[in-house]
Amino acid sequence: MAHTFAIIRTRFTALHRWEDAPDDVDFLREPHRHEFHVEVKIQQFHNDRDVEYIMAKRAIDTYIRNTFDGRDLGEKSCEMMAENIISLCNKKWGEDRFYEVEVTEDGENGALVIDNE
C-alpha cells in the first residue's frame, strides 16, 4: 500500500548547548550557533493535496519563528525541537496522520522523530 506525504523544508538559526556533553566533545557545553535544517513529512489522505504545501510551510515557519528562530534555546536538542514540531502538526492537521520531523545541525547531524499515532 502506498503512502503519500507533503514534504516541507525550512531552516533557522539559534544557539543551544549540552551541559552534560561527554569530555570528548566538551565544547558543546558552551552556547554555540547552528543553522538548523528542518524537514517535515505530513501524511496525505488523497492525491489532491489535503494538506496544502505552502499553507503548511507558512504554519511551520510561523511556529519556528515564534519558538526557536534567533533565540538561545538552552539545552533544547534536535530531538526536542522535532517533538515540539510534531505537537504543532498534531494540533494543526490532526492526530490521525503519520508525521516525520527531521531536525539537523547545519544540515549534517541531527534527529528524526516519527509519530504514527
N, C-alpha and C. Protein backbone atom coordinates (compact mmCIF):
# COMPACT_ATOMS: atom_id res chain seq x y z
N MET A 1 0.84 -1.18 0.00
CA MET A 1 0.00 0.00 0.00
C MET A 1 0.89 1.24 0.00
N ALA A 2 0.63 2.15 -0.89
CA ALA A 2 1.41 3.38 -1.00
C ALA A 2 0.93 4.41 0.02
N HIS A 3 1.87 5.21 0.49
CA HIS A 3 1.57 6.34 1.38
C HIS A 3 2.08 7.60 0.72
N THR A 4 1.33 8.67 0.81
CA THR A 4 1.69 9.94 0.21
C THR A 4 1.91 10.96 1.31
N PHE A 5 2.95 11.80 1.16
CA PHE A 5 3.28 12.80 2.16
C PHE A 5 3.52 14.15 1.52
N ALA A 6 3.10 15.20 2.20
CA ALA A 6 3.56 16.55 1.89
C ALA A 6 4.94 16.67 2.55
N ILE A 7 5.88 17.29 1.86
CA ILE A 7 7.22 17.49 2.41
C ILE A 7 7.48 18.99 2.49
N ILE A 8 7.79 19.44 3.69
CA ILE A 8 8.07 20.86 3.95
C ILE A 8 9.49 20.96 4.46
N ARG A 9 10.28 21.85 3.86
CA ARG A 9 11.66 22.09 4.31
C ARG A 9 11.82 23.56 4.66
N THR A 10 12.54 23.79 5.74
CA THR A 10 12.83 25.15 6.16
C THR A 10 14.09 25.13 7.00
N ARG A 11 14.54 26.30 7.44
CA ARG A 11 15.73 26.38 8.30
C ARG A 11 15.67 27.63 9.14
N PHE A 12 16.44 27.61 10.21
CA PHE A 12 16.51 28.75 11.11
C PHE A 12 17.83 28.70 11.87
N THR A 13 18.23 29.83 12.44
CA THR A 13 19.45 29.87 13.24
C THR A 13 19.09 30.08 14.71
N ALA A 14 19.89 29.47 15.56
CA ALA A 14 19.69 29.61 17.00
C ALA A 14 20.94 29.12 17.72
N LEU A 15 21.00 29.40 19.01
CA LEU A 15 22.05 28.90 19.88
C LEU A 15 21.49 27.77 20.74
N HIS A 16 22.34 26.83 21.09
CA HIS A 16 21.98 25.85 22.11
C HIS A 16 23.26 25.31 22.71
N ARG A 17 23.12 24.49 23.72
CA ARG A 17 24.27 23.88 24.39
C ARG A 17 23.84 22.54 24.99
N TRP A 18 24.84 21.75 25.39
CA TRP A 18 24.59 20.46 26.03
C TRP A 18 25.49 20.39 27.25
N GLU A 19 24.92 20.73 28.39
CA GLU A 19 25.71 20.82 29.62
C GLU A 19 26.34 19.50 30.03
N ASP A 20 25.73 18.37 29.69
CA ASP A 20 26.24 17.06 30.08
C ASP A 20 27.02 16.38 28.95
N ALA A 21 27.54 17.16 28.02
CA ALA A 21 28.28 16.58 26.90
C ALA A 21 29.48 15.78 27.41
N PRO A 22 29.80 14.66 26.76
CA PRO A 22 30.99 13.89 27.15
C PRO A 22 32.26 14.73 26.99
N ASP A 23 33.30 14.35 27.70
CA ASP A 23 34.56 15.10 27.68
C ASP A 23 35.13 15.24 26.27
N ASP A 24 34.95 14.23 25.42
CA ASP A 24 35.49 14.30 24.05
C ASP A 24 34.90 15.46 23.25
N VAL A 25 33.71 15.87 23.61
CA VAL A 25 33.05 16.99 22.91
C VAL A 25 32.62 18.05 23.93
N ASP A 26 33.50 18.34 24.87
CA ASP A 26 33.17 19.27 25.95
C ASP A 26 32.85 20.68 25.46
N PHE A 27 33.29 21.03 24.25
CA PHE A 27 32.97 22.34 23.68
C PHE A 27 31.46 22.52 23.48
N LEU A 28 30.71 21.42 23.40
CA LEU A 28 29.25 21.51 23.23
C LEU A 28 28.55 22.00 24.51
N ARG A 29 29.28 22.06 25.61
CA ARG A 29 28.70 22.56 26.86
C ARG A 29 28.47 24.07 26.83
N GLU A 30 29.19 24.75 25.96
CA GLU A 30 29.06 26.20 25.81
C GLU A 30 28.02 26.52 24.73
N PRO A 31 27.32 27.65 24.87
CA PRO A 31 26.38 28.03 23.81
C PRO A 31 27.10 28.14 22.46
N HIS A 32 26.50 27.55 21.44
CA HIS A 32 27.06 27.61 20.09
C HIS A 32 25.93 27.72 19.08
N ARG A 33 26.23 28.33 17.96
CA ARG A 33 25.24 28.63 16.93
C ARG A 33 25.19 27.53 15.88
N HIS A 34 23.98 27.28 15.42
CA HIS A 34 23.77 26.38 14.28
C HIS A 34 22.73 26.99 13.35
N GLU A 35 22.81 26.59 12.09
CA GLU A 35 21.68 26.76 11.20
C GLU A 35 20.98 25.40 11.22
N PHE A 36 19.83 25.37 11.87
CA PHE A 36 19.07 24.13 11.97
C PHE A 36 18.24 23.94 10.71
N HIS A 37 18.33 22.77 10.12
CA HIS A 37 17.55 22.42 8.94
C HIS A 37 16.40 21.52 9.39
N VAL A 38 15.21 21.81 8.89
CA VAL A 38 14.01 21.09 9.31
C VAL A 38 13.33 20.51 8.08
N GLU A 39 12.96 19.22 8.16
CA GLU A 39 12.14 18.60 7.14
C GLU A 39 10.95 17.96 7.84
N VAL A 40 9.76 18.33 7.40
CA VAL A 40 8.52 17.81 7.98
C VAL A 40 7.78 17.05 6.89
N LYS A 41 7.40 15.80 7.20
CA LYS A 41 6.59 14.99 6.29
C LYS A 41 5.23 14.80 6.94
N ILE A 42 4.19 15.17 6.20
CA ILE A 42 2.82 15.10 6.70
C ILE A 42 2.03 14.17 5.78
N GLN A 43 1.44 13.14 6.36
CA GLN A 43 0.68 12.18 5.56
C GLN A 43 -0.48 12.88 4.86
N GLN A 44 -0.66 12.54 3.59
CA GLN A 44 -1.80 12.99 2.81
C GLN A 44 -2.77 11.81 2.68
N PHE A 45 -4.05 12.11 2.75
CA PHE A 45 -5.05 11.03 2.66
C PHE A 45 -5.58 10.82 1.25
N HIS A 46 -5.24 11.69 0.33
CA HIS A 46 -5.61 11.50 -1.07
C HIS A 46 -4.61 12.26 -1.93
N ASN A 47 -4.71 12.10 -3.24
CA ASN A 47 -3.71 12.70 -4.13
C ASN A 47 -4.10 14.08 -4.64
N ASP A 48 -5.03 14.74 -3.94
CA ASP A 48 -5.41 16.11 -4.30
C ASP A 48 -5.00 17.07 -3.18
N ARG A 49 -3.91 16.72 -2.50
CA ARG A 49 -3.25 17.59 -1.53
C ARG A 49 -4.17 18.12 -0.44
N ASP A 50 -4.60 17.24 0.45
CA ASP A 50 -5.48 17.71 1.53
C ASP A 50 -4.75 18.57 2.55
N VAL A 51 -3.42 18.47 2.63
CA VAL A 51 -2.61 19.46 3.37
C VAL A 51 -1.81 20.19 2.32
N GLU A 52 -2.13 21.46 2.11
CA GLU A 52 -1.51 22.25 1.04
C GLU A 52 -0.10 22.66 1.47
N TYR A 53 0.88 22.49 0.59
CA TYR A 53 2.29 22.71 0.92
C TYR A 53 2.58 24.12 1.42
N ILE A 54 2.17 25.11 0.67
CA ILE A 54 2.51 26.50 1.03
C ILE A 54 1.86 26.88 2.36
N MET A 55 0.62 26.48 2.55
CA MET A 55 -0.06 26.79 3.81
C MET A 55 0.61 26.07 4.98
N ALA A 56 1.04 24.83 4.77
CA ALA A 56 1.74 24.09 5.81
C ALA A 56 3.08 24.75 6.13
N LYS A 57 3.81 25.14 5.09
CA LYS A 57 5.10 25.80 5.31
C LYS A 57 4.91 27.10 6.09
N ARG A 58 3.89 27.87 5.75
CA ARG A 58 3.63 29.11 6.50
C ARG A 58 3.37 28.82 7.97
N ALA A 59 2.57 27.80 8.25
CA ALA A 59 2.25 27.46 9.64
C ALA A 59 3.51 27.01 10.39
N ILE A 60 4.31 26.17 9.76
CA ILE A 60 5.53 25.67 10.39
C ILE A 60 6.54 26.80 10.58
N ASP A 61 6.72 27.63 9.56
CA ASP A 61 7.64 28.77 9.68
C ASP A 61 7.21 29.74 10.77
N THR A 62 5.92 30.01 10.88
CA THR A 62 5.43 30.90 11.93
C THR A 62 5.72 30.31 13.30
N TYR A 63 5.47 29.03 13.47
CA TYR A 63 5.76 28.36 14.74
C TYR A 63 7.25 28.45 15.07
N ILE A 64 8.10 28.13 14.10
CA ILE A 64 9.55 28.17 14.31
C ILE A 64 10.00 29.59 14.64
N ARG A 65 9.52 30.57 13.89
CA ARG A 65 9.90 31.97 14.13
C ARG A 65 9.53 32.40 15.55
N ASN A 66 8.37 31.97 16.03
CA ASN A 66 7.90 32.38 17.35
C ASN A 66 8.49 31.54 18.48
N THR A 67 9.08 30.40 18.16
CA THR A 67 9.53 29.46 19.19
C THR A 67 11.04 29.28 19.24
N PHE A 68 11.71 29.24 18.09
CA PHE A 68 13.12 28.89 18.04
C PHE A 68 14.04 29.94 17.42
N ASP A 69 13.61 30.54 16.33
CA ASP A 69 14.49 31.34 15.46
C ASP A 69 15.16 32.48 16.21
N GLY A 70 16.50 32.53 16.10
CA GLY A 70 17.27 33.62 16.66
C GLY A 70 17.40 33.61 18.17
N ARG A 71 16.98 32.57 18.81
CA ARG A 71 16.97 32.51 20.27
C ARG A 71 18.11 31.65 20.81
N ASP A 72 18.37 31.83 22.10
CA ASP A 72 19.22 30.90 22.83
C ASP A 72 18.27 29.84 23.37
N LEU A 73 18.36 28.65 22.86
CA LEU A 73 17.43 27.57 23.19
C LEU A 73 17.87 26.77 24.41
N GLY A 74 18.95 27.21 25.05
CA GLY A 74 19.43 26.49 26.22
C GLY A 74 19.83 25.08 25.83
N GLU A 75 19.33 24.10 26.57
CA GLU A 75 19.69 22.71 26.32
C GLU A 75 18.72 21.99 25.39
N LYS A 76 17.92 22.72 24.64
CA LYS A 76 16.97 22.09 23.72
C LYS A 76 17.73 21.39 22.59
N SER A 77 17.50 20.11 22.44
CA SER A 77 18.18 19.29 21.44
C SER A 77 17.37 19.24 20.14
N CYS A 78 17.99 18.69 19.11
CA CYS A 78 17.27 18.46 17.85
C CYS A 78 16.06 17.56 18.08
N GLU A 79 16.23 16.54 18.93
CA GLU A 79 15.13 15.63 19.24
C GLU A 79 13.96 16.39 19.86
N MET A 80 14.27 17.28 20.80
CA MET A 80 13.23 18.05 21.48
C MET A 80 12.52 19.00 20.51
N MET A 81 13.29 19.64 19.63
CA MET A 81 12.68 20.53 18.65
C MET A 81 11.76 19.76 17.72
N ALA A 82 12.19 18.58 17.27
CA ALA A 82 11.36 17.76 16.39
C ALA A 82 10.07 17.35 17.10
N GLU A 83 10.16 16.98 18.36
CA GLU A 83 8.96 16.63 19.13
C GLU A 83 8.01 17.82 19.23
N ASN A 84 8.56 19.03 19.45
CA ASN A 84 7.72 20.23 19.50
C ASN A 84 7.00 20.46 18.18
N ILE A 85 7.69 20.26 17.07
CA ILE A 85 7.08 20.46 15.75
C ILE A 85 6.02 19.40 15.49
N ILE A 86 6.25 18.17 15.93
CA ILE A 86 5.21 17.14 15.79
C ILE A 86 3.97 17.52 16.60
N SER A 87 4.15 18.10 17.77
CA SER A 87 3.00 18.56 18.56
C SER A 87 2.19 19.60 17.79
N LEU A 88 2.89 20.53 17.13
CA LEU A 88 2.20 21.51 16.28
C LEU A 88 1.41 20.79 15.19
N CYS A 89 2.04 19.83 14.52
CA CYS A 89 1.38 19.10 13.43
C CYS A 89 0.12 18.39 13.93
N ASN A 90 0.22 17.74 15.08
CA ASN A 90 -0.96 17.05 15.64
C ASN A 90 -2.10 18.02 15.90
N LYS A 91 -1.78 19.20 16.40
CA LYS A 91 -2.81 20.21 16.67
C LYS A 91 -3.38 20.78 15.37
N LYS A 92 -2.51 21.01 14.41
CA LYS A 92 -2.91 21.70 13.17
C LYS A 92 -3.63 20.77 12.18
N TRP A 93 -3.11 19.54 12.01
CA TRP A 93 -3.65 18.66 10.97
C TRP A 93 -4.23 17.36 11.52
N GLY A 94 -4.22 17.19 12.81
CA GLY A 94 -4.87 16.04 13.43
C GLY A 94 -3.93 14.93 13.83
N GLU A 95 -4.33 14.21 14.85
CA GLU A 95 -3.52 13.12 15.39
C GLU A 95 -3.68 11.82 14.62
N ASP A 96 -4.54 11.81 13.62
CA ASP A 96 -4.76 10.58 12.85
C ASP A 96 -3.83 10.46 11.65
N ARG A 97 -2.89 11.38 11.51
CA ARG A 97 -1.93 11.34 10.40
C ARG A 97 -0.59 10.81 10.87
N PHE A 98 0.22 10.38 9.93
CA PHE A 98 1.58 9.94 10.17
C PHE A 98 2.49 11.13 9.90
N TYR A 99 3.39 11.43 10.84
CA TYR A 99 4.32 12.56 10.69
C TYR A 99 5.75 12.09 10.88
N GLU A 100 6.66 12.69 10.14
CA GLU A 100 8.10 12.54 10.37
C GLU A 100 8.70 13.94 10.41
N VAL A 101 9.50 14.21 11.42
CA VAL A 101 10.18 15.50 11.51
C VAL A 101 11.66 15.25 11.75
N GLU A 102 12.47 15.83 10.87
CA GLU A 102 13.93 15.73 10.98
C GLU A 102 14.47 17.13 11.27
N VAL A 103 15.31 17.24 12.28
CA VAL A 103 15.99 18.49 12.60
C VAL A 103 17.48 18.18 12.65
N THR A 104 18.26 18.88 11.83
CA THR A 104 19.71 18.66 11.80
C THR A 104 20.44 19.95 12.09
N GLU A 105 21.65 19.80 12.60
CA GLU A 105 22.54 20.92 12.84
C GLU A 105 23.35 21.16 11.58
N ASP A 106 23.14 22.32 10.98
CA ASP A 106 23.87 22.72 9.78
C ASP A 106 23.69 21.74 8.62
N GLY A 107 22.54 21.04 8.60
CA GLY A 107 22.25 20.11 7.52
C GLY A 107 23.06 18.83 7.59
N GLU A 108 23.71 18.57 8.73
CA GLU A 108 24.57 17.38 8.84
C GLU A 108 23.98 16.38 9.83
N ASN A 109 24.28 16.53 11.09
CA ASN A 109 23.89 15.57 12.12
C ASN A 109 22.64 16.05 12.83
N GLY A 110 21.79 15.12 13.22
CA GLY A 110 20.58 15.54 13.91
C GLY A 110 19.70 14.37 14.27
N ALA A 111 18.40 14.64 14.31
CA ALA A 111 17.44 13.65 14.80
C ALA A 111 16.25 13.53 13.85
N LEU A 112 15.68 12.34 13.84
CA LEU A 112 14.44 12.06 13.13
C LEU A 112 13.45 11.52 14.15
N VAL A 113 12.29 12.18 14.25
CA VAL A 113 11.22 11.72 15.15
C VAL A 113 10.04 11.34 14.27
N ILE A 114 9.51 10.14 14.49
CA ILE A 114 8.39 9.62 13.71
C ILE A 114 7.21 9.46 14.64
N ASP A 115 6.07 10.00 14.23
CA ASP A 115 4.84 9.89 15.02
C ASP A 115 3.76 9.30 14.13
N ASN A 116 3.27 8.13 14.49
CA ASN A 116 2.23 7.48 13.69
C ASN A 116 1.04 7.12 14.55
N GLU A 117 0.81 7.89 15.57
CA GLU A 117 -0.33 7.59 16.46
C GLU A 117 -1.53 8.40 16.07
